[in-house]
Amino acid sequence: MVLYNWFLTPPGSTIALLLLAVTVALITAGLTKLLVDTKEVERKQRQIKEHQEEKAKIVKLAEIDPERYRKARKRWEKKDEMLKKTQQKIAMQRMKPACINCIPMMVLFIVIRSIIGESAMAISPMNASDVAILQMAFVKADSGPMLNFTGWYFICSLSMNPLIQRLLKIQTQTSGGGMGQMFSQSKSKSVQFPEI
C-alpha cells in the first residue's frame, strides 16, 4: 500500500510517469527499428533536402543565364513530382509503428488514468491553469499549481521521444523533427521560381 501511495503523489508520481514516457518511447523506437528501413528513409530525406536546396541555386541562375534557368527549372520540377511521391511513401512508413502502437497505448492510458484519476502528478513551475486550453492539464492544490497525469505525461513524452529517437539513430537532422528543421524546411519551400 505504501508503494501504491508513492506512485500517486509527487515526487514518486513524477518519476513513475517519466519512466512510463521513456518506456513508451523505447517501445515505439523499437517498433520503428523493426518496421522501417531507417537507413533508406534517411537516404531519401537527404535527397529531398538537397533537392530543396537546389531550388535556391536555380532561382539565382534566373538572373545570370535565363536559358540554363529554364532547363534547370524544368528538370527540377520533374524531379519534384517524383520526390513528392517519395515523401508520401516515407510518411506511410513512419506511420506503421504509430498505428500498431496506438490502440494498446490508448488502452494502457485509460487504465492508468482510471486508477490515478485527477490526482497531482508533478509540481508545475508556473500557474497556467487560467489559460482555457491548459486547464485540463492542471489540478488545483494547496501547495500551488500541479500537473495532472495528462499534463505531466505530455511534457515527458515531448521531451523523451526526440531524445530517444536521436540516441537510437532513428531521427537525425535530415529526417525532420525539432524546431530548427521545421523552420529551415519552410524557408526553402518559400523560395519561388521567377517567371521569365
Protein backbone atom coordinates (compact mmCIF):
# COMPACT_ATOMS: atom_id res chain seq x y z
CA MET A 1 0.00 0.00 0.00
CA VAL A 2 2.91 2.35 0.74
CA LEU A 3 4.37 1.77 -2.74
CA TYR A 4 0.96 2.43 -4.32
CA ASN A 5 0.67 5.75 -2.44
CA TRP A 6 4.21 6.65 -3.50
CA PHE A 7 3.12 6.38 -7.16
CA LEU A 8 0.13 8.66 -6.57
CA THR A 9 1.91 11.67 -5.09
CA PRO A 10 4.95 13.70 -6.10
CA PRO A 11 7.86 13.03 -6.29
CA GLY A 12 7.04 9.33 -6.81
CA SER A 13 4.34 10.01 -9.39
CA THR A 14 6.63 12.44 -11.21
CA ILE A 15 9.38 9.83 -11.55
CA ALA A 16 6.97 6.98 -12.35
CA LEU A 17 5.34 8.91 -15.18
CA LEU A 18 8.73 9.95 -16.55
CA LEU A 19 9.73 6.26 -16.60
CA LEU A 20 6.45 5.40 -18.33
CA ALA A 21 7.17 8.02 -21.02
CA VAL A 22 10.67 6.59 -21.51
CA THR A 23 9.23 3.05 -21.76
CA VAL A 24 6.63 4.09 -24.33
CA ALA A 25 9.30 5.95 -26.33
CA LEU A 26 11.57 2.88 -26.27
CA ILE A 27 8.72 0.61 -27.44
CA THR A 28 7.84 2.99 -30.26
CA ALA A 29 11.51 3.34 -31.25
CA GLY A 30 11.91 -0.44 -31.20
CA LEU A 31 8.89 -0.88 -33.45
CA THR A 32 10.26 1.79 -35.78
CA LYS A 33 13.60 -0.03 -35.97
CA LEU A 34 11.79 -3.29 -36.78
CA LEU A 35 9.23 -1.98 -39.27
CA VAL A 36 11.00 0.89 -41.02
CA ASP A 37 14.19 0.76 -43.05
CA THR A 38 15.66 3.80 -41.29
CA LYS A 39 18.82 3.94 -43.44
CA GLU A 40 16.74 4.06 -46.61
CA VAL A 41 14.42 6.70 -45.14
CA GLU A 42 17.46 8.76 -44.11
CA ARG A 43 18.93 8.49 -47.61
CA LYS A 44 15.66 9.65 -49.17
CA GLN A 45 15.33 12.51 -46.66
CA ARG A 46 18.84 13.68 -47.55
CA GLN A 47 17.91 13.54 -51.23
CA ILE A 48 14.77 15.64 -50.60
CA LYS A 49 16.75 18.19 -48.56
CA GLU A 50 19.36 18.54 -51.32
CA HIS A 51 16.56 18.93 -53.85
CA GLN A 52 15.04 21.81 -51.85
CA GLU A 53 18.45 23.48 -51.54
CA GLU A 54 18.93 23.14 -55.30
CA LYS A 55 15.82 25.27 -55.85
CA ALA A 56 17.52 28.34 -54.36
CA LYS A 57 20.50 27.85 -56.68
CA ILE A 58 18.22 27.63 -59.69
CA VAL A 59 16.42 30.84 -58.71
CA LYS A 60 19.77 32.67 -58.58
CA LEU A 61 20.53 31.29 -62.05
CA ALA A 62 17.48 33.14 -63.49
CA GLU A 63 19.29 36.49 -63.42
CA ILE A 64 22.58 35.16 -64.78
CA ASP A 65 21.56 32.77 -67.57
CA PRO A 66 17.81 32.59 -68.41
CA GLU A 67 18.24 29.69 -70.85
CA ARG A 68 20.05 27.49 -68.30
CA TYR A 69 17.48 28.59 -65.72
CA ARG A 70 14.54 27.32 -67.85
CA LYS A 71 16.23 23.95 -68.40
CA ALA A 72 17.23 23.58 -64.77
CA ARG A 73 13.74 24.58 -63.58
CA LYS A 74 12.08 22.05 -65.88
CA ARG A 75 14.44 19.32 -64.65
CA TRP A 76 13.83 20.37 -61.01
CA GLU A 77 10.03 20.31 -61.41
CA LYS A 78 10.12 16.79 -62.90
CA LYS A 79 12.25 15.57 -60.01
CA ASP A 80 9.99 17.42 -57.56
CA GLU A 81 6.96 15.36 -58.64
CA MET A 82 8.89 12.14 -58.07
CA LEU A 83 10.15 13.30 -54.66
CA LYS A 84 6.64 14.28 -53.54
CA LYS A 85 5.59 10.66 -54.07
CA THR A 86 8.70 9.55 -52.18
CA GLN A 87 7.74 11.85 -49.27
CA GLN A 88 4.29 10.25 -49.15
CA LYS A 89 5.85 6.79 -49.01
CA ILE A 90 8.18 7.89 -46.21
CA ALA A 91 5.24 9.28 -44.24
CA MET A 92 3.35 6.00 -44.64
CA GLN A 93 6.39 4.00 -43.49
CA ARG A 94 6.80 6.22 -40.42
CA MET A 95 3.11 5.76 -39.57
CA LYS A 96 3.36 1.96 -39.33
CA PRO A 97 4.79 1.86 -35.78
CA ALA A 98 2.40 4.57 -34.60
CA CYS A 99 -0.63 2.68 -35.91
CA ILE A 100 0.45 -0.59 -34.30
CA ASN A 101 1.31 1.18 -31.05
CA CYS A 102 -1.79 3.38 -30.86
CA ILE A 103 -4.55 1.02 -29.63
CA PRO A 104 -2.52 -0.76 -26.89
CA MET A 105 -1.22 2.58 -25.59
CA MET A 106 -4.71 4.11 -25.53
CA VAL A 107 -5.99 1.16 -23.50
CA LEU A 108 -2.99 1.41 -21.16
CA PHE A 109 -3.57 5.12 -20.58
CA ILE A 110 -7.29 4.66 -19.99
CA VAL A 111 -6.50 2.02 -17.36
CA ILE A 112 -3.79 4.15 -15.71
CA ARG A 113 -5.97 7.26 -15.80
CA SER A 114 -8.87 5.36 -14.20
CA ILE A 115 -6.56 4.21 -11.37
CA ILE A 116 -4.89 7.58 -10.83
CA GLY A 117 -7.83 9.86 -11.53
CA GLU A 118 -7.25 13.59 -11.34
CA SER A 119 -4.54 13.49 -8.67
CA ALA A 120 -1.50 15.75 -8.88
CA MET A 121 1.46 14.12 -10.58
CA ALA A 122 4.11 16.86 -10.69
CA ILE A 123 4.75 20.33 -9.35
CA SER A 124 4.38 22.95 -12.05
CA PRO A 125 6.91 25.79 -12.24
CA MET A 126 4.15 28.19 -13.31
CA ASN A 127 0.43 28.61 -12.88
CA ALA A 128 -1.10 28.41 -16.34
CA SER A 129 -4.36 26.87 -15.18
CA ASP A 130 -6.16 30.12 -16.00
CA VAL A 131 -5.45 29.60 -19.72
CA ALA A 132 -8.52 27.82 -21.09
CA ILE A 133 -6.71 25.29 -23.27
CA LEU A 134 -4.30 24.34 -20.45
CA GLN A 135 -6.91 23.85 -17.72
CA MET A 136 -7.20 20.14 -18.44
CA ALA A 137 -3.50 19.66 -17.57
CA PHE A 138 -3.65 21.25 -14.11
CA VAL A 139 -5.00 20.30 -10.71
CA LYS A 140 -5.66 22.89 -8.07
CA ALA A 141 -3.73 22.07 -4.91
CA ASP A 142 -2.95 23.83 -1.65
CA SER A 143 0.79 23.70 -2.36
CA GLY A 144 0.45 25.58 -5.67
CA PRO A 145 -0.03 24.66 -9.32
CA MET A 146 0.23 20.93 -10.00
CA LEU A 147 0.17 19.00 -13.26
CA ASN A 148 -2.19 16.04 -13.59
CA PHE A 149 -1.49 12.78 -15.45
CA THR A 150 -2.30 14.24 -18.89
CA GLY A 151 -0.21 17.38 -18.48
CA TRP A 152 2.87 15.71 -16.99
CA TYR A 153 2.84 12.79 -19.44
CA PHE A 154 2.53 15.23 -22.35
CA ILE A 155 5.62 17.14 -21.18
CA CYS A 156 7.58 13.92 -20.54
CA SER A 157 6.62 12.47 -23.90
CA LEU A 158 7.55 15.63 -25.81
CA SER A 159 10.97 15.65 -24.19
CA MET A 160 11.76 11.91 -24.19
CA ASN A 161 10.62 10.86 -27.70
CA PRO A 162 13.04 13.02 -29.72
CA LEU A 163 15.87 12.28 -27.30
CA ILE A 164 15.44 8.50 -27.55
CA GLN A 165 14.96 8.65 -31.32
CA ARG A 166 18.20 10.57 -31.68
CA LEU A 167 20.05 8.19 -29.34
CA LEU A 168 18.85 5.18 -31.33
CA LYS A 169 19.64 6.97 -34.61
CA ILE A 170 16.05 6.86 -35.83
CA GLN A 171 15.70 10.62 -36.17
CA THR A 172 18.54 12.73 -37.50
CA GLN A 173 18.91 16.32 -38.71
CA THR A 174 17.70 15.48 -42.22
CA SER A 175 14.82 13.24 -41.18
CA GLY A 176 12.89 16.03 -39.56
CA GLY A 177 11.98 16.85 -36.04
CA GLY A 178 12.86 19.82 -33.97
CA MET A 179 12.02 23.46 -34.46
CA GLY A 180 15.17 24.28 -36.44
CA GLN A 181 14.38 21.64 -39.03
CA MET A 182 10.79 22.84 -39.31
CA PHE A 183 11.85 26.44 -39.97
CA SER A 184 14.59 25.55 -42.43
CA GLN A 185 12.14 23.47 -44.49
CA SER A 186 9.57 26.24 -44.57
CA LYS A 187 12.25 28.74 -45.63
CA SER A 188 13.36 26.57 -48.57
CA LYS A 189 9.77 25.96 -49.64
CA SER A 190 9.02 29.68 -49.63
CA VAL A 191 11.54 30.34 -52.42
CA GLN A 192 9.51 30.82 -55.60
CA PHE A 193 10.63 30.45 -59.18
CA PRO A 194 10.55 33.77 -61.05
CA GLU A 195 8.72 33.86 -64.37
CA ILE A 196 10.93 34.72 -67.32
